[in-house]
Amino acid sequence: MGSLVYLFNASPEAETMYDWGLKFIYLVQKLKSPIMTAIMEGVSFLGHPAFYLLLVAYIYWCVDSQRGFKLGTAIIFSGALNTAIKETLQVSRPYQRDPGVFIVEESGYSTPSGHSQGAATFYPLLGKLFWILPLLIGFSRIYLGVHYPTDVALGLILGYTTSVLVMFFWEKFALQIKNFPRSIKILLAALVPFVLNFFSHDETQLTGLLFGFLLGKIFSETKNFDASSGTKTNKILRFMVGILLTVFIFAVFFLISHFGAKLFPLLEQYNNLIYFVFFGFVGFAEVFIIPRIFIILKLATEKH
């Protein structure tokens, strides 16, 4: 597959497409100014995964756990799919091909645009008023020189398609699997990350997060908490406690991985598996463990 990707990226058709994309970026960047760049960076942040995950955490813990789970599953799946496609196509960033379009630096590959795909997945599920926002985020990515217009177009198509599928089929699918044995649900939860890891085995964070997120929901079905319970103060405290616990989990992982790599150098060859397990635990904690802590601290009540 790698050789086929290389042949495509080096083909005259691909070169023509990338050259056209660079001309389009230069055209958009005629709007460039310090103020415009600051605005575009702000718009672009609305498509950052961290922004979505904070919103998902707030909705899941403090508003409606069912809606939060749906949003979280959609955006994490979309992100994992995006990573799998990027790792397969391996298209370099526009500014790496032509430094003249450089404004900001981004890690990873270019196609498709993750910000555009994530925005087109997430925001339409929030409401009809948000359908236009992914287009603005996509434009900001072109302006900043980190994506070709074709990257943005593909990201928007994948994202909008995901959000529409969730809108029309989420409830039906949930009803179909509601009475499945837990073992079958766990198997289904593992299936999608397994398939995506086949294409992006070097990037296992999001697939691990997706598996843990789904697993947490499976275990919380009999011990769910009421996200709408409590006063405004309770909800603010819930969110703060949840974020602090998440930061603590990441801090512990950083310490373990840092010192573990020094004490056991051979562990480095299992980094992908370690990241999958860790992010799986993070997803599981967000959905199952942390809400249980809210109940213990009397910041939330169980849903009966």
Protein backbone atom coordinates (compact mmCIF):
# COMPACT_ATOMS: atom_id res chain seq x y z
CA MET A 1 0.00 0.00 0.00
CA GLY A 2 2.89 2.35 0.82
CA SER A 3 4.31 2.06 -2.71
CA LEU A 4 0.89 2.82 -4.24
CA VAL A 5 0.56 5.91 -2.06
CA TYR A 6 4.04 7.05 -3.08
CA LEU A 7 3.22 6.57 -6.78
CA PHE A 8 0.00 8.58 -6.39
CA ASN A 9 1.67 11.44 -4.51
CA ALA A 10 4.40 11.59 -7.17
CA SER A 11 2.01 11.33 -10.12
CA PRO A 12 1.47 14.24 -12.54
CA GLU A 13 -2.21 14.39 -11.51
CA ALA A 14 -1.27 14.80 -7.84
CA GLU A 15 1.36 17.42 -8.69
CA THR A 16 -1.21 19.38 -10.68
CA MET A 17 -3.70 19.18 -7.80
CA TYR A 18 -1.13 20.33 -5.22
CA ASP A 19 0.11 23.16 -7.47
CA TRP A 20 -3.47 24.37 -7.94
CA GLY A 21 -3.97 24.12 -4.17
CA LEU A 22 -0.91 26.27 -3.51
CA LYS A 23 -2.15 28.91 -5.96
CA PHE A 24 -5.48 28.93 -4.13
CA ILE A 25 -3.72 29.35 -0.76
CA TYR A 26 -1.71 32.29 -2.15
CA LEU A 27 -4.96 33.82 -3.38
CA VAL A 28 -6.57 33.48 0.06
CA GLN A 29 -3.45 34.81 1.78
CA LYS A 30 -3.82 38.12 -0.09
CA LEU A 31 -6.10 38.88 2.86
CA LYS A 32 -3.15 38.39 5.22
CA SER A 33 -2.62 40.90 8.02
CA PRO A 34 -1.77 40.57 11.72
CA ILE A 35 -5.42 41.10 12.67
CA MET A 36 -6.70 38.63 10.06
CA THR A 37 -4.15 36.04 11.16
CA ALA A 38 -5.21 36.41 14.80
CA ILE A 39 -8.88 36.00 13.79
CA MET A 40 -8.12 32.92 11.68
CA GLU A 41 -6.11 31.34 14.50
CA GLY A 42 -9.06 31.93 16.83
CA VAL A 43 -11.50 30.39 14.35
CA SER A 44 -9.12 27.48 13.81
CA PHE A 45 -9.01 26.79 17.56
CA LEU A 46 -12.76 26.11 17.45
CA GLY A 47 -11.81 23.04 15.44
CA HIS A 48 -9.08 21.84 17.80
CA PRO A 49 -9.69 18.37 19.33
CA ALA A 50 -9.01 19.70 22.85
CA PHE A 51 -11.86 22.20 22.46
CA TYR A 52 -14.31 19.47 21.43
CA LEU A 53 -13.27 17.14 24.22
CA LEU A 54 -13.73 19.88 26.84
CA LEU A 55 -17.23 20.55 25.49
CA VAL A 56 -18.02 16.83 25.42
CA ALA A 57 -16.80 16.44 29.01
CA TYR A 58 -18.97 19.35 30.16
CA ILE A 59 -22.06 18.04 28.37
CA TYR A 60 -21.51 14.47 29.57
CA TRP A 61 -20.83 15.40 33.21
CA CYS A 62 -23.06 18.44 33.66
CA VAL A 63 -25.89 18.50 31.09
CA ASP A 64 -26.97 15.23 29.47
CA SER A 65 -24.83 12.08 29.60
CA GLN A 66 -26.64 10.46 26.67
CA ARG A 67 -26.07 13.44 24.41
CA GLY A 68 -22.51 13.80 25.64
CA PHE A 69 -21.82 10.15 24.85
CA LYS A 70 -23.24 10.52 21.34
CA LEU A 71 -21.18 13.64 20.65
CA GLY A 72 -18.06 12.08 22.16
CA THR A 73 -18.37 8.86 20.19
CA ALA A 74 -18.94 10.75 16.94
CA ILE A 75 -16.00 13.13 17.33
CA ILE A 76 -13.54 10.51 18.58
CA PHE A 77 -14.49 8.09 15.80
CA SER A 78 -14.18 10.88 13.23
CA GLY A 79 -10.76 11.81 14.59
CA ALA A 80 -9.57 8.20 14.53
CA LEU A 81 -10.84 7.79 10.95
CA ASN A 82 -9.07 11.00 9.96
CA THR A 83 -5.81 9.74 11.45
CA ALA A 84 -6.13 6.41 9.63
CA ILE A 85 -6.61 8.18 6.29
CA LYS A 86 -3.76 10.61 6.95
CA GLU A 87 -1.38 7.78 7.86
CA THR A 88 -2.41 5.92 4.71
CA LEU A 89 -2.13 8.82 2.24
CA GLN A 90 0.88 10.51 3.91
CA VAL A 91 0.47 13.86 2.15
CA SER A 92 2.88 16.56 3.33
CA ARG A 93 1.66 20.00 4.43
CA PRO A 94 1.42 22.84 1.86
CA TYR A 95 4.13 24.89 3.60
CA GLN A 96 6.46 21.88 3.46
CA ARG A 97 6.06 21.88 -0.33
CA ASP A 98 6.23 25.68 -0.62
CA PRO A 99 7.56 27.61 2.44
CA GLY A 100 6.08 30.79 0.95
CA VAL A 101 2.62 29.93 2.35
CA PHE A 102 3.90 29.32 5.89
CA ILE A 103 2.09 31.10 8.73
CA VAL A 104 1.82 28.48 11.49
CA GLU A 105 3.30 25.01 11.95
CA GLU A 106 1.28 21.81 12.38
CA SER A 107 2.39 18.26 13.11
CA GLY A 108 1.33 15.21 11.12
CA TYR A 109 0.12 14.81 7.57
CA SER A 110 -2.20 17.03 5.57
CA THR A 111 -5.00 15.00 3.94
CA PRO A 112 -7.78 15.20 5.00
CA SER A 113 -8.10 18.26 7.24
CA GLY A 114 -8.71 17.05 10.80
CA HIS A 115 -10.04 20.41 11.98
CA SER A 116 -12.54 20.56 9.10
CA GLN A 117 -13.63 16.95 9.54
CA GLY A 118 -13.98 17.27 13.29
CA ALA A 119 -15.95 20.51 13.00
CA ALA A 120 -18.28 19.07 10.36
CA THR A 121 -18.85 16.04 12.58
CA PHE A 122 -19.36 17.87 15.86
CA TYR A 123 -21.09 21.19 15.28
CA PRO A 124 -24.08 20.01 13.20
CA LEU A 125 -24.91 17.64 16.07
CA LEU A 126 -25.12 20.65 18.41
CA GLY A 127 -27.83 22.32 16.34
CA LYS A 128 -28.83 23.76 12.97
CA LEU A 129 -27.26 27.14 13.73
CA PHE A 130 -23.80 25.56 13.81
CA TRP A 131 -23.81 23.98 10.32
CA ILE A 132 -21.96 26.97 8.81
CA LEU A 133 -19.12 27.01 11.38
CA PRO A 134 -17.15 24.08 9.83
CA LEU A 135 -16.92 26.05 6.56
CA LEU A 136 -15.32 28.98 8.41
CA ILE A 137 -12.93 26.64 10.21
CA GLY A 138 -12.01 25.02 6.89
CA PHE A 139 -11.33 28.45 5.37
CA SER A 140 -9.07 29.32 8.31
CA ARG A 141 -7.00 26.18 7.70
CA ILE A 142 -6.42 27.20 4.08
CA TYR A 143 -5.55 30.77 5.10
CA LEU A 144 -3.01 29.50 7.66
CA GLY A 145 -1.31 27.43 4.96
CA VAL A 146 -1.64 24.12 6.77
CA HIS A 147 -4.10 22.50 4.33
CA TYR A 148 -4.82 22.39 0.63
CA PRO A 149 -8.41 23.24 -0.35
CA THR A 150 -8.82 19.59 -1.38
CA ASP A 151 -7.85 18.56 2.19
CA VAL A 152 -10.57 20.80 3.57
CA ALA A 153 -13.16 19.61 1.05
CA LEU A 154 -12.48 15.95 1.86
CA GLY A 155 -12.55 16.66 5.59
CA LEU A 156 -15.88 18.47 5.30
CA ILE A 157 -17.40 15.66 3.23
CA LEU A 158 -16.30 13.00 5.73
CA GLY A 159 -17.38 15.10 8.71
CA TYR A 160 -20.81 16.09 7.42
CA THR A 161 -21.41 12.50 6.32
CA THR A 162 -20.55 11.24 9.81
CA SER A 163 -22.85 13.77 11.50
CA VAL A 164 -25.75 12.95 9.15
CA LEU A 165 -25.31 9.21 9.74
CA VAL A 166 -25.32 9.81 13.51
CA MET A 167 -28.46 11.95 13.24
CA PHE A 168 -30.40 9.34 11.29
CA PHE A 169 -29.10 6.04 12.62
CA TRP A 170 -27.79 6.55 16.18
CA GLU A 171 -31.08 5.91 17.97
CA LYS A 172 -31.97 2.96 15.73
CA PHE A 173 -28.59 1.32 16.27
CA ALA A 174 -28.75 1.93 20.03
CA LEU A 175 -32.12 0.17 20.17
CA GLN A 176 -30.79 -2.74 18.10
CA ILE A 177 -27.89 -3.47 20.46
CA LYS A 178 -29.60 -2.48 23.73
CA ASN A 179 -30.36 -6.07 24.75
CA PHE A 180 -27.16 -7.63 23.41
CA PRO A 181 -25.05 -9.51 26.00
CA ARG A 182 -22.26 -7.40 27.47
CA SER A 183 -19.63 -9.65 25.86
CA ILE A 184 -21.04 -8.94 22.38
CA LYS A 185 -21.14 -5.20 23.09
CA ILE A 186 -17.48 -5.27 24.16
CA LEU A 187 -16.59 -7.19 21.00
CA LEU A 188 -18.36 -4.59 18.85
CA ALA A 189 -16.65 -1.79 20.78
CA ALA A 190 -13.25 -3.36 20.02
CA LEU A 191 -13.98 -4.04 16.35
CA VAL A 192 -13.89 -0.46 15.03
CA PRO A 193 -10.63 0.52 16.80
CA PHE A 194 -9.07 -2.74 15.61
CA VAL A 195 -9.92 -2.01 11.97
CA LEU A 196 -8.71 1.61 12.21
CA ASN A 197 -5.47 0.50 13.88
CA PHE A 198 -4.76 -1.66 10.84
CA PHE A 199 -4.33 1.57 8.85
CA SER A 200 -2.79 3.74 11.59
CA HIS A 201 -0.89 1.31 13.82
CA ASP A 202 1.64 4.04 14.72
CA GLU A 203 -1.09 6.38 16.00
CA THR A 204 -3.12 4.53 18.62
CA GLN A 205 -4.22 7.34 20.94
CA LEU A 206 -7.62 8.05 19.42
CA THR A 207 -8.47 4.41 18.76
CA GLY A 208 -7.62 3.65 22.38
CA LEU A 209 -9.72 6.59 23.55
CA LEU A 210 -12.63 5.39 21.41
CA PHE A 211 -12.46 1.86 22.82
CA GLY A 212 -12.27 3.11 26.41
CA PHE A 213 -15.11 5.56 25.83
CA LEU A 214 -17.36 2.80 24.48
CA LEU A 215 -16.29 0.37 27.20
CA GLY A 216 -17.09 2.92 29.89
CA LYS A 217 -20.58 3.34 28.51
CA ILE A 218 -21.14 -0.43 28.46
CA PHE A 219 -20.21 -0.69 32.15
CA SER A 220 -22.20 2.41 33.12
CA GLU A 221 -25.46 1.05 31.71
CA THR A 222 -26.34 -0.53 35.06
CA LYS A 223 -24.74 2.23 37.17
CA ASN A 224 -25.45 5.45 35.32
CA PHE A 225 -25.40 8.89 36.88
CA ASP A 226 -27.76 11.81 36.33
CA ALA A 227 -25.83 14.60 34.60
CA SER A 228 -28.75 16.99 35.06
CA SER A 229 -28.78 16.52 38.85
CA GLY A 230 -27.45 19.06 41.30
CA THR A 231 -27.26 22.83 41.52
CA LYS A 232 -25.19 25.10 39.27
CA THR A 233 -22.50 25.02 41.94
CA ASN A 234 -22.54 21.21 41.92
CA LYS A 235 -22.11 21.20 38.16
CA ILE A 236 -19.24 23.69 38.22
CA LEU A 237 -17.53 21.62 40.91
CA ARG A 238 -18.16 18.43 38.91
CA PHE A 239 -16.52 19.90 35.85
CA MET A 240 -13.55 21.20 37.84
CA VAL A 241 -13.07 17.90 39.68
CA GLY A 242 -13.38 15.96 36.43
CA ILE A 243 -10.76 18.09 34.67
CA LEU A 244 -8.40 17.89 37.67
CA LEU A 245 -8.74 14.10 37.76
CA THR A 246 -8.05 13.92 34.03
CA VAL A 247 -4.95 16.10 34.41
CA PHE A 248 -3.85 13.86 37.30
CA ILE A 249 -4.23 10.74 35.13
CA PHE A 250 -2.09 12.32 32.40
CA ALA A 251 0.52 13.46 34.95
CA VAL A 252 0.80 9.95 36.40
CA PHE A 253 1.14 8.49 32.92
CA PHE A 254 3.85 11.01 32.03
CA LEU A 255 5.84 10.12 35.15
CA ILE A 256 5.44 6.38 34.61
CA SER A 257 6.36 6.58 30.91
CA HIS A 258 9.31 8.91 31.59
CA PHE A 259 10.90 6.84 34.32
CA GLY A 260 9.70 3.53 32.88
CA ALA A 261 11.55 4.24 29.62
CA LYS A 262 14.76 4.81 31.58
CA LEU A 263 14.38 1.75 33.79
CA PHE A 264 13.04 -0.57 31.09
CA PRO A 265 14.33 0.57 27.65
CA LEU A 266 12.78 -2.48 25.98
CA LEU A 267 9.32 -1.04 26.71
CA GLU A 268 9.85 1.52 23.95
CA GLN A 269 9.08 -1.08 21.30
CA TYR A 270 5.59 -1.44 22.84
CA ASN A 271 4.84 2.30 22.81
CA ASN A 272 1.86 1.95 20.47
CA LEU A 273 0.25 -0.67 22.71
CA ILE A 274 1.03 1.37 25.83
CA TYR A 275 -0.59 4.49 24.33
CA PHE A 276 -3.63 2.48 23.27
CA VAL A 277 -4.08 1.10 26.80
CA PHE A 278 -3.48 4.48 28.46
CA PHE A 279 -5.89 6.43 26.27
CA GLY A 280 -8.34 3.56 26.62
CA PHE A 281 -8.17 4.05 30.38
CA VAL A 282 -8.71 7.81 29.94
CA GLY A 283 -11.86 7.18 27.90
CA PHE A 284 -13.10 4.62 30.42
CA ALA A 285 -12.42 7.00 33.31
CA GLU A 286 -14.26 9.91 31.66
CA VAL A 287 -17.41 7.86 31.14
CA PHE A 288 -17.46 5.48 34.10
CA ILE A 289 -14.91 6.10 36.87
CA ILE A 290 -15.12 9.89 37.21
CA PRO A 291 -18.96 9.96 37.29
CA ARG A 292 -18.82 7.35 40.08
CA ILE A 293 -16.50 9.70 41.99
CA PHE A 294 -19.05 12.51 41.50
CA ILE A 295 -21.67 10.31 43.18
CA ILE A 296 -19.32 9.38 46.05
CA LEU A 297 -18.56 13.09 46.61
CA LYS A 298 -22.32 13.81 46.49
CA LEU A 299 -21.85 16.15 43.53
CA ALA A 300 -24.31 14.08 41.47
CA THR A 301 -26.95 11.43 41.97
CA GLU A 302 -27.51 8.08 40.30
CA LYS A 303 -30.07 7.81 37.54
CA HIS A 304 -32.79 5.31 38.42
